[in-house]
């Protein structure tokens, strides 16, 4: 699935959440509330990673880990939409910057990089 297809699916769920929140609370989530939801998901993900590494007990196992990773990706896609960020362009630009910065710090080698 392409990033655009993921974004479209994320927006469909976003719109459903907006409908549900309007029905149940009379308003939709703000950008700040989406960010707070994301922070909560990252916290849940951290616990599941610790469990996967044997550092703690958390129910759900691999399925819960996959679910939280997907939740976090959804949140990133929604935050990018809410802040009008082209994630594909931002990702490519950031990876190019990181590639340059990391390669500048590595010793020269005959192996091609990037």
C-alpha atoms as a PDB file:
ATOM      1  CA  UNK A   1       0.000   0.000   0.000  1.00  0.00           C
ATOM      2  CA  UNK A   2       1.367   3.407  -0.962  1.00  0.00           C
ATOM      3  CA  UNK A   3       1.672   6.346   1.403  1.00  0.00           C
ATOM      4  CA  UNK A   4      -1.157   8.063  -0.438  1.00  0.00           C
ATOM      5  CA  UNK A   5      -3.410   5.027   0.047  1.00  0.00           C
ATOM      6  CA  UNK A   6      -2.505   4.937   3.749  1.00  0.00           C
ATOM      7  CA  UNK A   7      -3.261   8.659   4.010  1.00  0.00           C
ATOM      8  CA  UNK A   8      -6.655   8.202   2.319  1.00  0.00           C
ATOM      9  CA  UNK A   9      -7.585   5.364   4.660  1.00  0.00           C
ATOM     10  CA  UNK A  10      -6.403   7.387   7.677  1.00  0.00           C
ATOM     11  CA  UNK A  11      -8.554  10.325   6.577  1.00  0.00           C
ATOM     12  CA  UNK A  12     -11.604   8.085   6.209  1.00  0.00           C
ATOM     13  CA  UNK A  13     -11.192   6.978   9.842  1.00  0.00           C
ATOM     14  CA  UNK A  14     -10.478  10.586  10.878  1.00  0.00           C
ATOM     15  CA  UNK A  15     -13.771  11.665   9.303  1.00  0.00           C
ATOM     16  CA  UNK A  16     -15.625   8.844  11.059  1.00  0.00           C
ATOM     17  CA  UNK A  17     -14.122   9.948  14.386  1.00  0.00           C
ATOM     18  CA  UNK A  18     -15.259  13.507  13.642  1.00  0.00           C
ATOM     19  CA  UNK A  19     -18.818  12.242  13.043  1.00  0.00           C
ATOM     20  CA  UNK A  20     -18.739  10.161  16.227  1.00  0.00           C
ATOM     21  CA  UNK A  21     -17.336  12.997  18.348  1.00  0.00           C
ATOM     22  CA  UNK A  22     -19.920  15.443  16.970  1.00  0.00           C
ATOM     23  CA  UNK A  23     -22.668  12.976  17.806  1.00  0.00           C
ATOM     24  CA  UNK A  24     -21.388  12.101  21.287  1.00  0.00           C
ATOM     25  CA  UNK A  25     -19.712  15.355  22.407  1.00  0.00           C
ATOM     26  CA  UNK A  26     -20.976  18.042  20.070  1.00  0.00           C
ATOM     27  CA  UNK A  27     -17.483  18.866  18.794  1.00  0.00           C
ATOM     28  CA  UNK A  28     -14.464  17.385  17.015  1.00  0.00           C
ATOM     29  CA  UNK A  29     -10.956  16.960  18.373  1.00  0.00           C
ATOM     30  CA  UNK A  30      -8.536  19.861  18.075  1.00  0.00           C
ATOM     31  CA  UNK A  31      -5.013  19.451  16.722  1.00  0.00           C
ATOM     32  CA  UNK A  32      -3.762  19.556  20.307  1.00  0.00           C
ATOM     33  CA  UNK A  33      -6.108  16.720  21.296  1.00  0.00           C
ATOM     34  CA  UNK A  34      -4.871  14.620  18.369  1.00  0.00           C
ATOM     35  CA  UNK A  35      -1.327  15.259  19.571  1.00  0.00           C
ATOM     36  CA  UNK A  36      -2.218  14.218  23.128  1.00  0.00           C
ATOM     37  CA  UNK A  37      -3.832  11.056  21.762  1.00  0.00           C
ATOM     38  CA  UNK A  38      -0.634  10.341  19.849  1.00  0.00           C
ATOM     39  CA  UNK A  39       1.466  10.818  22.989  1.00  0.00           C
ATOM     40  CA  UNK A  40      -0.780   8.305  24.769  1.00  0.00           C
ATOM     41  CA  UNK A  41      -0.336   5.832  21.906  1.00  0.00           C
ATOM     42  CA  UNK A  42       3.447   6.277  22.015  1.00  0.00           C
ATOM     43  CA  UNK A  43       3.357   5.542  25.750  1.00  0.00           C
ATOM     44  CA  UNK A  44       1.355   2.371  25.100  1.00  0.00           C
ATOM     45  CA  UNK A  45       3.808   1.438  22.344  1.00  0.00           C
ATOM     46  CA  UNK A  46       6.748   1.911  24.717  1.00  0.00           C
ATOM     47  CA  UNK A  47       5.197  -0.550  27.177  1.00  0.00           C
ATOM     48  CA  UNK A  48       4.585  -3.086  24.424  1.00  0.00           C
ATOM     49  CA  UNK A  49       8.169  -2.785  23.160  1.00  0.00           C
ATOM     50  CA  UNK A  50       9.404  -3.323  26.717  1.00  0.00           C
ATOM     51  CA  UNK A  51       7.175  -6.406  26.939  1.00  0.00           C
ATOM     52  CA  UNK A  52       8.496  -7.702  23.597  1.00  0.00           C
ATOM     53  CA  UNK A  53      12.015  -7.344  25.014  1.00  0.00           C
ATOM     54  CA  UNK A  54      11.070  -9.196  28.204  1.00  0.00           C
ATOM     55  CA  UNK A  55      11.348  -6.142  30.476  1.00  0.00           C
ATOM     56  CA  UNK A  56       7.710  -6.127  31.594  1.00  0.00           C
ATOM     57  CA  UNK A  57       4.435  -8.013  31.372  1.00  0.00           C
ATOM     58  CA  UNK A  58       1.775  -6.547  29.086  1.00  0.00           C
ATOM     59  CA  UNK A  59      -1.188  -8.486  27.720  1.00  0.00           C
ATOM     60  CA  UNK A  60      -1.814  -8.651  24.003  1.00  0.00           C
ATOM     61  CA  UNK A  61       1.567  -9.741  22.680  1.00  0.00           C
ATOM     62  CA  UNK A  62       2.461  -9.222  19.037  1.00  0.00           C
ATOM     63  CA  UNK A  63      -1.089  -8.287  18.005  1.00  0.00           C
ATOM     64  CA  UNK A  64      -1.130  -5.418  20.527  1.00  0.00           C
ATOM     65  CA  UNK A  65       2.291  -4.240  19.319  1.00  0.00           C
ATOM     66  CA  UNK A  66       1.100  -4.210  15.703  1.00  0.00           C
ATOM     67  CA  UNK A  67      -2.073  -2.365  16.706  1.00  0.00           C
ATOM     68  CA  UNK A  68      -0.153   0.381  18.533  1.00  0.00           C
ATOM     69  CA  UNK A  69       2.319   0.804  15.679  1.00  0.00           C
ATOM     70  CA  UNK A  70      -0.636   1.245  13.319  1.00  0.00           C
ATOM     71  CA  UNK A  71      -2.279   3.696  15.750  1.00  0.00           C
ATOM     72  CA  UNK A  72       0.925   5.738  15.871  1.00  0.00           C
ATOM     73  CA  UNK A  73       1.200   5.791  12.079  1.00  0.00           C
ATOM     74  CA  UNK A  74      -2.442   6.894  11.871  1.00  0.00           C
ATOM     75  CA  UNK A  75      -1.756   9.726  14.302  1.00  0.00           C
ATOM     76  CA  UNK A  76       1.300  10.893  12.345  1.00  0.00           C
ATOM     77  CA  UNK A  77      -0.693  10.906   9.105  1.00  0.00           C
ATOM     78  CA  UNK A  78      -3.543  12.847  10.742  1.00  0.00           C
ATOM     79  CA  UNK A  79      -1.215  15.368  12.382  1.00  0.00           C
ATOM     80  CA  UNK A  80       0.520  15.887   9.038  1.00  0.00           C
ATOM     81  CA  UNK A  81      -2.875  16.537   7.451  1.00  0.00           C
ATOM     82  CA  UNK A  82      -3.975  18.860  10.244  1.00  0.00           C
ATOM     83  CA  UNK A  83      -0.736  20.888   9.902  1.00  0.00           C
ATOM     84  CA  UNK A  84      -0.704  20.718   6.085  1.00  0.00           C
ATOM     85  CA  UNK A  85       2.583  18.804   5.901  1.00  0.00           C
ATOM     86  CA  UNK A  86       3.411  16.795   2.779  1.00  0.00           C
ATOM     87  CA  UNK A  87       4.702  13.703   4.582  1.00  0.00           C
ATOM     88  CA  UNK A  88       6.151  12.114   1.475  1.00  0.00           C
ATOM     89  CA  UNK A  89       8.226  15.196   0.647  1.00  0.00           C
ATOM     90  CA  UNK A  90       9.153  15.746   4.304  1.00  0.00           C
ATOM     91  CA  UNK A  91      10.199  12.113   4.693  1.00  0.00           C
ATOM     92  CA  UNK A  92      12.381  12.120   1.570  1.00  0.00           C
ATOM     93  CA  UNK A  93      13.960  15.450   2.544  1.00  0.00           C
ATOM     94  CA  UNK A  94      14.644  14.302   6.118  1.00  0.00           C
ATOM     95  CA  UNK A  95      16.116  10.959   5.015  1.00  0.00           C
ATOM     96  CA  UNK A  96      18.414  12.756   2.546  1.00  0.00           C
ATOM     97  CA  UNK A  97      19.555  15.121   5.312  1.00  0.00           C
ATOM     98  CA  UNK A  98      20.184  12.205   7.673  1.00  0.00           C
ATOM     99  CA  UNK A  99      22.012  10.254   4.971  1.00  0.00           C
ATOM    100  CA  UNK A 100      24.335  13.201   4.369  1.00  0.00           C
ATOM    101  CA  UNK A 101      24.897  13.875   8.079  1.00  0.00           C
ATOM    102  CA  UNK A 102      25.554  10.230   8.985  1.00  0.00           C
ATOM    103  CA  UNK A 103      27.800   9.560   6.016  1.00  0.00           C
ATOM    104  CA  UNK A 104      29.826  12.683   6.864  1.00  0.00           C
ATOM    105  CA  UNK A 105      30.624  11.136  10.251  1.00  0.00           C
ATOM    106  CA  UNK A 106      31.467   7.633   9.010  1.00  0.00           C
ATOM    107  CA  UNK A 107      34.993   6.716   7.948  1.00  0.00           C
ATOM    108  CA  UNK A 108      35.543   6.445   4.224  1.00  0.00           C
ATOM    109  CA  UNK A 109      34.911   2.995   2.825  1.00  0.00           C
ATOM    110  CA  UNK A 110      34.778   1.395  -0.559  1.00  0.00           C
ATOM    111  CA  UNK A 111      31.160   0.302   0.017  1.00  0.00           C
ATOM    112  CA  UNK A 112      28.673   2.553  -1.804  1.00  0.00           C
ATOM    113  CA  UNK A 113      26.230   4.294   0.534  1.00  0.00           C
ATOM    114  CA  UNK A 114      22.701   5.565   0.045  1.00  0.00           C
END
